[in-house]
Amino acid sequence: MKVYTYSEARQRLAKLLEDARREGSVRIRRRDGQSFVVTPERRSGSPLDVETVDLGVTTEEIVEAVRESRRGRLAARLAELEPIDPGESSVEAVRAEREAIE
């Protein structure tokens, strides 16, 4: 841990704070022997708070991409379904499909 005298700390406060950030803490010692430790405060934000990245994509383009993706998945699921028997009621067919999916 780096140790500064009180006079050094006053003269080089910016460097002292940078050292504390980089090393975790620094000590300031006074002439009378008292010492103080300067430690950076932990950020209180969420670890999910991250800087944004500009990809040059609009909100509308993202929404459209999601919709296209969903349409593709829906089309694939519909292609997998069995055709409905004309003699079967639509309610019965829906129930049968639900049971098959579950």
Protein backbone atom coordinates (compact mmCIF):
# COMPACT_ATOMS: atom_id res chain seq x y z
CA MET A 1 0.00 0.00 0.00
CA LYS A 2 1.36 3.36 -1.02
CA VAL A 3 1.88 5.86 1.85
CA TYR A 4 1.62 9.62 1.40
CA THR A 5 2.47 12.31 3.91
CA TYR A 6 -0.28 14.80 4.62
CA SER A 7 1.55 17.47 2.60
CA GLU A 8 2.02 15.11 -0.37
CA ALA A 9 -1.64 14.15 -0.23
CA ARG A 10 -2.71 17.79 -0.39
CA GLN A 11 -0.37 18.54 -3.30
CA ARG A 12 -1.06 15.37 -5.30
CA LEU A 13 -4.69 14.59 -4.58
CA ALA A 14 -5.49 13.48 -8.15
CA LYS A 15 -2.54 11.05 -8.18
CA LEU A 16 -3.47 9.78 -4.71
CA LEU A 17 -7.02 9.03 -5.84
CA GLU A 18 -5.79 7.30 -9.01
CA ASP A 19 -3.39 5.17 -6.93
CA ALA A 20 -6.23 4.27 -4.55
CA ARG A 21 -8.41 3.24 -7.49
CA ARG A 22 -5.66 1.17 -9.08
CA GLU A 23 -4.18 -0.42 -5.94
CA GLY A 24 -7.31 -0.65 -3.79
CA SER A 25 -6.26 1.83 -1.11
CA VAL A 26 -3.57 4.32 -0.04
CA ARG A 27 -2.51 5.57 3.37
CA ILE A 28 -2.07 9.18 4.44
CA ARG A 29 0.20 9.65 7.45
CA ARG A 30 0.26 12.85 9.52
CA ARG A 31 3.25 14.19 11.46
CA ASP A 32 1.64 13.27 14.77
CA GLY A 33 1.53 9.59 13.68
CA GLN A 34 -2.16 9.35 12.86
CA SER A 35 -2.88 7.62 9.59
CA PHE A 36 -5.89 7.42 7.35
CA VAL A 37 -6.70 4.98 4.59
CA VAL A 38 -8.37 6.16 1.40
CA THR A 39 -10.29 3.42 -0.38
CA PRO A 40 -12.45 3.79 -3.47
CA GLU A 41 -16.15 3.35 -2.87
CA ARG A 42 -17.73 0.39 -4.63
CA ARG A 43 -20.21 1.19 -7.31
CA SER A 44 -23.74 0.59 -6.15
CA GLY A 45 -25.15 -0.08 -9.62
CA SER A 46 -26.22 -3.38 -11.01
CA PRO A 47 -23.60 -5.58 -12.66
CA LEU A 48 -25.99 -5.55 -15.60
CA ASP A 49 -25.53 -1.78 -16.02
CA VAL A 50 -23.29 -1.78 -19.05
CA GLU A 51 -22.32 0.83 -21.57
CA THR A 52 -24.44 0.85 -24.70
CA VAL A 53 -22.96 -0.04 -28.05
CA ASP A 54 -24.18 1.84 -31.10
CA LEU A 55 -24.63 -0.75 -33.83
CA GLY A 56 -26.41 1.62 -36.15
CA VAL A 57 -29.63 -0.40 -35.91
CA THR A 58 -32.94 1.31 -35.20
CA THR A 59 -35.58 0.06 -32.79
CA GLU A 60 -37.89 -0.54 -35.72
CA GLU A 61 -35.28 -2.76 -37.42
CA ILE A 62 -34.83 -4.82 -34.24
CA VAL A 63 -38.60 -5.25 -33.83
CA GLU A 64 -38.93 -6.31 -37.48
CA ALA A 65 -36.10 -8.84 -37.09
CA VAL A 66 -37.81 -10.34 -34.04
CA ARG A 67 -41.13 -10.51 -35.90
CA GLU A 68 -39.49 -12.21 -38.89
CA SER A 69 -37.87 -14.71 -36.56
CA ARG A 70 -41.18 -15.47 -34.91
CA ARG A 71 -42.94 -15.82 -38.27
CA GLY A 72 -40.31 -18.34 -39.33
CA ARG A 73 -40.77 -20.38 -36.18
CA LEU A 74 -44.56 -20.23 -36.49
CA ALA A 75 -44.41 -21.34 -40.12
CA ALA A 76 -42.16 -24.25 -39.15
CA ARG A 77 -44.54 -25.31 -36.37
CA LEU A 78 -47.56 -25.08 -38.68
CA ALA A 79 -45.79 -27.22 -41.27
CA GLU A 80 -45.26 -29.92 -38.62
CA LEU A 81 -48.97 -30.08 -37.66
CA GLU A 82 -51.22 -32.81 -38.95
CA PRO A 83 -54.04 -31.66 -41.22
CA ILE A 84 -57.43 -31.51 -39.51
CA ASP A 85 -59.78 -34.38 -40.23
CA PRO A 86 -62.89 -32.87 -41.92
CA GLY A 87 -65.15 -35.10 -39.80
CA GLU A 88 -63.64 -33.78 -36.58
CA SER A 89 -64.89 -30.54 -35.05
CA SER A 90 -62.41 -27.69 -34.88
CA VAL A 91 -62.64 -27.66 -31.06
CA GLU A 92 -61.69 -31.33 -30.92
CA ALA A 93 -58.83 -30.73 -33.34
CA VAL A 94 -57.45 -27.87 -31.26
CA ARG A 95 -57.65 -29.96 -28.11
CA ALA A 96 -55.85 -32.83 -29.81
CA GLU A 97 -53.11 -30.49 -31.05
CA ARG A 98 -52.66 -29.02 -27.56
CA GLU A 99 -52.33 -32.47 -26.07
CA ALA A 100 -49.80 -33.43 -28.72
CA ILE A 101 -47.70 -30.34 -27.99
CA GLU A 102 -47.85 -30.76 -24.22
